[in-house]
N, C-alpha and C. Protein backbone atom coordinates (compact mmCIF):
# COMPACT_ATOMS: atom_id res chain seq x y z
N MET A 1 -5.61 -3.32 -9.57
CA MET A 1 -3.99 -3.95 -8.94
C MET A 1 -3.28 -2.84 -8.93
N ILE A 2 -2.40 -3.03 -7.68
CA ILE A 2 -1.41 -2.49 -7.08
C ILE A 2 0.01 -3.09 -6.80
N VAL A 3 1.14 -3.05 -7.10
CA VAL A 3 2.24 -3.58 -6.61
C VAL A 3 3.08 -2.53 -5.85
N GLU A 4 3.54 -2.98 -4.50
CA GLU A 4 4.37 -2.60 -4.05
C GLU A 4 5.59 -3.25 -4.15
N ILE A 5 7.07 -2.48 -4.58
CA ILE A 5 8.72 -2.90 -4.69
C ILE A 5 8.71 -2.30 -3.69
N ARG A 6 9.85 -3.38 -2.87
CA ARG A 6 10.38 -3.05 -1.58
C ARG A 6 11.86 -3.31 -1.81
N THR A 7 12.54 -2.29 -2.02
CA THR A 7 14.23 -2.69 -1.93
C THR A 7 15.01 -2.37 -0.89
N TYR A 8 15.55 -3.28 -0.34
CA TYR A 8 16.21 -2.97 0.97
C TYR A 8 17.92 -2.85 0.49
N THR A 9 18.84 -2.39 0.69
CA THR A 9 19.86 -1.76 0.82
C THR A 9 20.96 -2.67 1.68
N MET A 10 21.33 -3.74 1.45
CA MET A 10 22.29 -4.49 2.66
C MET A 10 23.84 -3.95 2.78
N HIS A 11 24.09 -4.03 4.08
CA HIS A 11 25.68 -3.59 4.36
C HIS A 11 26.12 -4.61 3.34
N PRO A 12 27.51 -4.75 2.72
CA PRO A 12 28.01 -5.50 1.54
C PRO A 12 28.48 -6.82 2.42
N GLY A 13 28.14 -7.87 1.77
CA GLY A 13 27.88 -9.10 2.04
C GLY A 13 26.92 -9.55 3.21
N LYS A 14 25.94 -8.69 3.56
CA LYS A 14 25.20 -9.21 4.39
C LYS A 14 23.73 -9.64 3.84
N ALA A 15 23.12 -9.58 2.43
CA ALA A 15 22.09 -9.93 1.67
C ALA A 15 21.96 -11.90 2.06
N GLY A 16 22.74 -12.38 2.29
CA GLY A 16 22.50 -13.53 2.25
C GLY A 16 21.91 -14.14 3.72
N ALA A 17 22.70 -13.21 4.66
CA ALA A 17 22.48 -13.65 6.02
C ALA A 17 20.67 -12.81 6.15
N TRP A 18 20.78 -11.72 5.65
CA TRP A 18 19.36 -11.03 5.58
C TRP A 18 18.21 -11.85 4.95
N LEU A 19 18.34 -12.94 3.69
CA LEU A 19 17.52 -13.53 3.32
C LEU A 19 17.10 -14.76 3.77
N GLU A 20 18.36 -15.09 4.40
CA GLU A 20 18.02 -16.76 5.52
C GLU A 20 17.19 -16.43 6.72
N TYR A 21 17.26 -14.94 7.49
CA TYR A 21 16.64 -14.99 8.28
C TYR A 21 14.88 -14.65 8.06
N TYR A 22 15.01 -13.71 7.29
CA TYR A 22 13.48 -13.64 6.81
C TYR A 22 12.93 -14.76 6.03
N GLU A 23 13.67 -15.80 5.22
CA GLU A 23 13.07 -16.68 5.14
C GLU A 23 11.80 -17.46 5.79
N LYS A 24 12.66 -18.01 6.95
CA LYS A 24 12.20 -18.54 8.04
C LYS A 24 11.68 -17.79 9.48
N ASN A 25 11.65 -16.56 9.65
CA ASN A 25 10.90 -15.87 10.38
C ASN A 25 9.99 -14.73 9.87
N GLY A 26 10.31 -14.32 8.74
CA GLY A 26 9.73 -13.21 8.60
C GLY A 26 8.42 -13.28 7.14
N LEU A 27 8.96 -14.25 6.43
CA LEU A 27 7.78 -14.58 5.36
C LEU A 27 6.62 -15.42 5.47
N PRO A 28 6.86 -16.19 6.44
CA PRO A 28 5.60 -17.01 6.85
C PRO A 28 4.39 -15.81 7.55
N VAL A 29 5.51 -14.92 8.00
CA VAL A 29 4.05 -13.83 8.91
C VAL A 29 3.87 -12.98 7.48
N GLN A 30 4.38 -12.65 6.45
CA GLN A 30 4.25 -11.91 5.84
C GLN A 30 3.24 -12.44 4.71
N THR A 31 3.67 -13.69 4.63
CA THR A 31 2.41 -14.00 3.85
C THR A 31 1.02 -14.58 4.30
N ARG A 32 1.28 -14.89 5.62
CA ARG A 32 0.05 -14.50 6.23
C ARG A 32 -0.66 -13.76 6.36
N MET A 33 -0.37 -12.74 6.59
CA MET A 33 -0.72 -11.18 6.68
C MET A 33 -1.22 -10.22 5.04
N LEU A 34 -0.26 -10.69 4.41
CA LEU A 34 -0.02 -9.78 3.22
C LEU A 34 -0.84 -10.19 2.37
N GLY A 35 -0.53 -11.45 1.86
CA GLY A 35 -1.13 -12.66 0.59
C GLY A 35 0.00 -12.55 0.21
N LYS A 36 -0.44 -11.87 -1.26
CA LYS A 36 0.59 -12.74 -2.71
C LYS A 36 1.88 -11.81 -2.89
N LEU A 37 2.93 -12.70 -2.54
CA LEU A 37 4.05 -12.04 -2.83
C LEU A 37 4.43 -12.49 -4.35
N ILE A 38 4.52 -11.69 -4.75
CA ILE A 38 4.76 -11.99 -6.38
C ILE A 38 6.31 -12.00 -6.82
N PHE A 39 7.28 -11.36 -6.24
CA PHE A 39 8.80 -11.71 -6.94
C PHE A 39 10.03 -11.36 -5.21
N MET A 40 10.66 -12.22 -5.17
CA MET A 40 11.59 -11.95 -4.34
C MET A 40 13.04 -12.58 -4.83
N GLY A 41 13.94 -11.28 -4.77
CA GLY A 41 15.69 -11.87 -5.04
C GLY A 41 16.32 -10.69 -4.87
N SER A 42 17.69 -11.09 -5.36
CA SER A 42 18.53 -9.90 -4.93
C SER A 42 19.35 -9.53 -6.31
N THR A 43 20.17 -8.65 -6.33
CA THR A 43 20.91 -7.98 -7.63
C THR A 43 21.95 -8.59 -7.56
N GLU A 44 22.13 -8.73 -9.02
CA GLU A 44 23.41 -9.11 -9.38
C GLU A 44 24.23 -8.09 -10.74
N ILE A 45 23.06 -7.22 -10.96
CA ILE A 45 23.96 -6.29 -11.82
C ILE A 45 23.15 -4.82 -11.48
N GLY A 46 24.01 -3.91 -11.56
CA GLY A 46 23.58 -2.34 -11.21
C GLY A 46 23.88 -2.09 -9.46
N PRO A 47 22.91 -1.51 -8.90
CA PRO A 47 22.99 -1.55 -7.38
C PRO A 47 23.55 -2.61 -7.16
N LEU A 48 24.34 -2.97 -6.31
CA LEU A 48 24.50 -4.39 -5.75
C LEU A 48 24.24 -4.22 -4.33
N ASN A 49 23.82 -5.59 -3.65
CA ASN A 49 23.72 -5.66 -2.28
C ASN A 49 22.33 -5.01 -1.82
N GLN A 50 21.37 -5.55 -2.51
CA GLN A 50 20.12 -5.18 -2.65
C GLN A 50 19.24 -6.27 -3.05
N VAL A 51 18.00 -6.54 -1.51
CA VAL A 51 17.07 -7.11 -1.97
C VAL A 51 16.29 -6.73 -2.25
N VAL A 52 15.39 -7.52 -3.31
CA VAL A 52 14.27 -6.80 -3.68
C VAL A 52 12.83 -7.11 -3.49
N HIS A 53 11.77 -7.27 -3.05
CA HIS A 53 10.58 -8.08 -3.28
C HIS A 53 8.94 -7.20 -3.54
N ALA A 54 8.46 -7.97 -4.11
CA ALA A 54 7.01 -6.95 -4.68
C ALA A 54 5.94 -8.37 -4.01
N TRP A 55 4.87 -7.44 -3.84
CA TRP A 55 3.24 -7.79 -3.33
C TRP A 55 2.39 -7.37 -3.87
N ALA A 56 1.72 -7.83 -4.61
CA ALA A 56 0.58 -7.65 -5.20
C ALA A 56 -0.73 -7.02 -4.09
N TYR A 57 -1.44 -6.62 -4.08
CA TYR A 57 -2.89 -5.84 -3.42
C TYR A 57 -3.48 -5.32 -4.38
N ALA A 58 -5.10 -5.54 -3.97
CA ALA A 58 -6.36 -5.52 -5.00
C ALA A 58 -6.18 -3.88 -5.42
N SER A 59 -5.81 -3.25 -4.09
CA SER A 59 -5.97 -1.43 -4.39
C SER A 59 -4.86 -0.72 -2.79
N LEU A 60 -4.85 0.60 -2.89
CA LEU A 60 -3.75 0.98 -2.11
C LEU A 60 -4.81 1.00 -0.44
N ALA A 61 -6.06 0.22 -0.54
CA ALA A 61 -6.98 0.80 0.58
C ALA A 61 -6.43 -0.86 1.28
N GLU A 62 -6.75 -1.39 0.31
CA GLU A 62 -6.05 -2.91 1.01
C GLU A 62 -5.06 -3.28 1.38
N ARG A 63 -3.86 -2.51 0.69
CA ARG A 63 -2.49 -1.88 1.15
C ARG A 63 -2.72 -2.20 2.68
N GLU A 64 -3.36 -0.66 2.62
CA GLU A 64 -3.21 -0.03 4.21
C GLU A 64 -3.55 -0.79 4.90
N GLN A 65 -4.84 -1.63 4.32
CA GLN A 65 -5.33 -2.23 5.91
C GLN A 65 -4.51 -3.79 5.83
N LYS A 66 -4.04 -4.25 5.09
CA LYS A 66 -3.01 -5.40 5.19
C LYS A 66 -1.93 -5.18 5.88
N ARG A 67 -0.93 -3.88 6.02
CA ARG A 67 0.15 -3.68 6.67
C ARG A 67 -0.31 -3.04 7.72
N GLY A 68 -1.52 -2.36 7.97
CA GLY A 68 -1.50 -2.03 9.32
C GLY A 68 -1.75 -3.34 10.32
N ALA A 69 -2.75 -4.18 9.59
CA ALA A 69 -2.80 -5.39 10.55
C ALA A 69 -1.10 -6.12 11.05
N LEU A 70 -0.57 -6.46 10.10
CA LEU A 70 1.00 -6.65 10.04
C LEU A 70 1.50 -5.66 11.19
N ALA A 71 1.44 -4.66 11.12
CA ALA A 71 2.02 -3.83 12.43
C ALA A 71 1.95 -3.94 13.99
N LYS A 72 0.33 -4.43 13.79
CA LYS A 72 0.10 -4.85 15.23
C LYS A 72 0.00 -6.64 15.48
N ASP A 73 0.78 -7.62 14.28
CA ASP A 73 0.90 -8.61 14.61
C ASP A 73 2.34 -8.86 15.61
N PRO A 74 1.52 -9.65 16.86
CA PRO A 74 2.90 -9.81 17.73
C PRO A 74 3.74 -10.54 17.10
N ALA A 75 3.49 -11.77 15.97
CA ALA A 75 4.39 -12.02 15.46
C ALA A 75 5.64 -11.46 14.63
N TRP A 76 5.05 -10.26 14.45
CA TRP A 76 5.97 -9.64 13.12
C TRP A 76 6.67 -8.60 14.11
N HIS A 77 5.81 -8.41 15.12
CA HIS A 77 7.09 -7.50 16.55
C HIS A 77 8.54 -8.60 16.80
N ASP A 78 8.07 -10.18 16.92
CA ASP A 78 8.92 -10.84 17.20
C ASP A 78 10.24 -10.66 15.97
N TYR A 79 9.52 -10.82 15.37
CA TYR A 79 10.90 -10.99 13.78
C TYR A 79 11.42 -9.66 14.32
N LEU A 80 10.90 -8.58 14.07
CA LEU A 80 11.52 -7.37 13.78
C LEU A 80 12.48 -7.26 14.86
N LYS A 81 12.24 -7.66 16.29
CA LYS A 81 12.70 -7.48 17.52
C LYS A 81 14.03 -8.49 17.76
N ASN A 82 13.78 -9.44 16.83
CA ASN A 82 14.94 -10.48 16.88
C ASN A 82 15.69 -10.56 15.79
N SER A 83 15.40 -9.46 14.76
CA SER A 83 16.02 -9.65 13.31
C SER A 83 17.77 -9.25 13.71
N PRO A 84 18.99 -10.17 12.97
CA PRO A 84 20.28 -9.65 13.16
C PRO A 84 20.65 -8.01 12.95
N PRO A 85 21.07 -7.89 13.93
CA PRO A 85 21.39 -6.24 13.82
C PRO A 85 22.67 -5.83 12.54
N GLY A 86 22.73 -5.00 12.43
CA GLY A 86 23.69 -4.61 11.29
C GLY A 86 23.53 -5.10 9.70
N LEU A 87 22.65 -5.63 9.63
CA LEU A 87 22.44 -6.02 7.87
C LEU A 87 21.67 -5.14 7.10
N VAL A 88 20.60 -4.21 7.53
CA VAL A 88 19.77 -3.19 6.44
C VAL A 88 20.60 -2.03 6.84
N ALA A 89 20.89 -1.35 5.57
CA ALA A 89 21.63 -0.32 5.20
C ALA A 89 20.26 0.77 5.22
N SER A 90 19.41 0.66 4.42
CA SER A 90 18.29 1.43 3.52
C SER A 90 17.30 0.66 3.22
N MET A 91 16.20 1.46 2.84
CA MET A 91 14.88 0.55 2.59
C MET A 91 14.17 1.53 1.57
N GLU A 92 13.50 1.24 0.73
CA GLU A 92 12.59 2.27 -0.32
C GLU A 92 11.43 1.23 -0.49
N SER A 93 10.06 1.86 -0.80
CA SER A 93 9.01 1.16 -1.03
C SER A 93 8.55 2.42 -2.26
N LYS A 94 8.16 1.45 -3.32
CA LYS A 94 7.51 2.07 -4.30
C LYS A 94 5.96 1.13 -4.95
N ILE A 95 4.91 2.14 -5.13
CA ILE A 95 4.12 1.32 -5.36
C ILE A 95 3.71 1.96 -6.74
N LEU A 96 3.29 0.93 -7.64
CA LEU A 96 2.87 0.83 -9.24
C LEU A 96 1.53 0.54 -9.74
N ASN A 97 1.42 1.17 -10.57
CA ASN A 97 -0.24 1.11 -10.98
C ASN A 97 0.55 0.46 -12.59
N PRO A 98 -0.24 -1.13 -12.72
CA PRO A 98 -0.04 -1.44 -13.82
C PRO A 98 -0.74 -1.09 -14.79
N ALA A 99 -0.18 -1.11 -16.22
CA ALA A 99 -0.65 -0.20 -17.52
C ALA A 99 -1.98 -1.42 -18.12
N GLY A 100 -2.89 -1.03 -18.29
CA GLY A 100 -4.01 -1.33 -18.88
C GLY A 100 -3.36 -2.73 -19.79
N PHE A 101 -2.42 -2.75 -20.29
CA PHE A 101 -1.93 -4.07 -21.08
C PHE A 101 -1.31 -4.90 -20.22
N SER A 102 -0.87 -4.31 -19.22
CA SER A 102 0.09 -5.45 -18.51
C SER A 102 -0.73 -6.94 -18.04
N PRO A 103 0.59 -7.81 -18.17
CA PRO A 103 -0.08 -9.12 -17.75
C PRO A 103 -0.42 -9.32 -16.34
N LEU A 104 0.39 -8.54 -15.64
CA LEU A 104 -0.19 -8.17 -13.82
C LEU A 104 -0.99 -7.09 -13.94
N LYS A 105 -2.56 -7.17 -13.43
CA LYS A 105 -3.17 -6.47 -13.81
C LYS A 105 -4.56 -6.88 -12.77
């Protein structure tokens, strides 16, 4: 198993608006296409104005296949096209390999 951690840095005060739009419009598509969301939240301490979500995949190959299918999905294109402008400042993605003794493996 691998875990993808995506961190979106929002413009100050915009995380709530992004989460609201994503929950209604992006999450249903991603859940259908990507599968296992294991965490979604926002920062309170440390770098602020960030939304972090984590997705579990069986392998890098599965992630590549699922992300590729998502990129072709018309509902995902609608979500992106209709996203309110000026919310997201930057995005970072990390792929993590759980240790052999990790509860998530």
